[in-house]
Protein backbone atom coordinates (compact mmCIF):
# COMPACT_ATOMS: atom_id res chain seq x y z
CA UNK A 1 8.61 9.77 -40.32
CA UNK A 2 6.75 6.31 -39.87
CA UNK A 3 8.86 3.29 -39.03
CA UNK A 4 8.83 0.29 -41.50
CA UNK A 5 9.97 -2.27 -38.82
CA UNK A 6 8.63 -2.35 -35.56
CA UNK A 7 10.53 -4.98 -33.85
CA UNK A 8 12.62 -2.88 -31.70
CA UNK A 9 9.80 -1.67 -29.90
CA UNK A 10 7.87 -4.76 -29.58
CA UNK A 11 11.63 -6.07 -27.75
CA UNK A 12 11.39 -2.81 -25.70
CA UNK A 13 7.72 -3.76 -24.90
CA UNK A 14 8.30 -7.18 -24.19
CA UNK A 15 11.44 -6.34 -21.74
CA UNK A 16 9.21 -3.82 -19.76
CA UNK A 17 6.36 -5.83 -19.33
CA UNK A 18 9.29 -8.55 -17.92
CA UNK A 19 10.39 -6.09 -15.49
CA UNK A 20 7.21 -4.99 -14.55
CA UNK A 21 6.50 -8.38 -14.25
CA UNK A 22 9.51 -9.28 -12.11
CA UNK A 23 8.49 -6.23 -9.78
CA UNK A 24 4.96 -7.17 -8.91
CA UNK A 25 6.12 -10.70 -7.82
CA UNK A 26 9.16 -8.96 -5.65
CA UNK A 27 6.46 -6.61 -4.15
CA UNK A 28 4.43 -9.22 -3.74
CA UNK A 29 6.75 -11.51 -1.84
CA UNK A 30 7.86 -8.62 0.14
CA UNK A 31 4.48 -7.82 1.43
CA UNK A 32 4.11 -11.45 2.32
CA UNK A 33 7.30 -11.61 4.00
CA UNK A 34 6.17 -8.60 5.80
CA UNK A 35 3.12 -10.47 6.92
CA UNK A 36 5.06 -13.19 8.51
CA UNK A 37 7.43 -10.61 10.52
CA UNK A 38 4.34 -8.94 12.06
CA UNK A 39 2.48 -12.33 12.72
CA UNK A 40 5.65 -13.94 14.19
CA UNK A 41 6.39 -10.26 16.24
CA UNK A 42 2.64 -10.59 17.78
CA UNK A 43 2.87 -14.54 18.50
CA UNK A 44 6.12 -13.65 20.57
CA UNK A 45 4.44 -10.67 22.29
CA UNK A 46 1.64 -12.49 23.04
CA UNK A 47 3.54 -15.50 24.66
CA UNK A 48 5.55 -12.50 26.81
CA UNK A 49 2.29 -10.89 27.52
CA UNK A 50 -0.96 -12.16 26.97
CA UNK A 51 -3.47 -10.35 25.65
CA UNK A 52 -0.75 -8.00 23.58
CA UNK A 53 -2.23 -7.88 20.30
CA UNK A 54 -5.62 -7.35 21.76
CA UNK A 55 -4.94 -4.15 23.52
CA UNK A 56 -2.29 -3.18 20.38
CA UNK A 57 -4.84 -3.31 17.79
CA UNK A 58 -7.49 -1.54 19.96
CA UNK A 59 -5.16 1.17 19.99
CA UNK A 60 -4.69 1.20 16.37
CA UNK A 61 -8.57 1.54 16.22
CA UNK A 62 -8.78 4.55 18.25
CA UNK A 63 -5.69 6.46 16.49
CA UNK A 64 -7.33 5.25 13.39
CA UNK A 65 -9.77 7.05 14.65
CA UNK A 66 -8.63 10.34 15.71
CA UNK A 67 -6.47 10.22 11.90
CA UNK A 68 -9.80 10.14 9.80
CA UNK A 69 -11.23 12.42 12.46
CA UNK A 70 -8.42 15.01 12.19
CA UNK A 71 -7.83 14.43 8.12
CA UNK A 72 -12.00 15.34 7.55
CA UNK A 73 -11.63 18.40 10.21
CA UNK A 74 -8.96 19.64 8.15
CA UNK A 75 -10.32 18.84 4.78
CA UNK A 76 -11.20 22.33 2.52
CA UNK A 77 -14.23 23.26 1.80
CA UNK A 78 -15.82 21.59 -0.89
CA UNK A 79 -16.20 24.79 -3.27
CA UNK A 80 -12.82 25.53 -2.76
CA UNK A 81 -11.92 22.14 -3.79
CA UNK A 82 -11.58 22.17 -7.87
CA UNK A 83 -10.47 18.61 -7.45
CA UNK A 84 -12.69 15.74 -8.81
CA UNK A 85 -14.35 13.64 -5.85
CA UNK A 86 -12.67 10.78 -6.94
CA UNK A 87 -8.98 12.44 -6.32
CA UNK A 88 -10.42 14.33 -2.81
């Protein structure tokens, strides 16, 4: 059966879009707050222990390389993987 009036659908779509916009703004705000928190922590730690941030970033780089190597090592063979390349 075809609806003759699309107004309820338009209202619900508008409401959904408004909610999505609000969620995106809240997500961006949270991201910015977290960025400021990390910056404040790094600055404070650098004041108490000079070179802290440099050492932290070096350790993070080592950990990331180790993680990537582990993921690549444990990745299933291409012939066994039926997923498209962009989902692997």
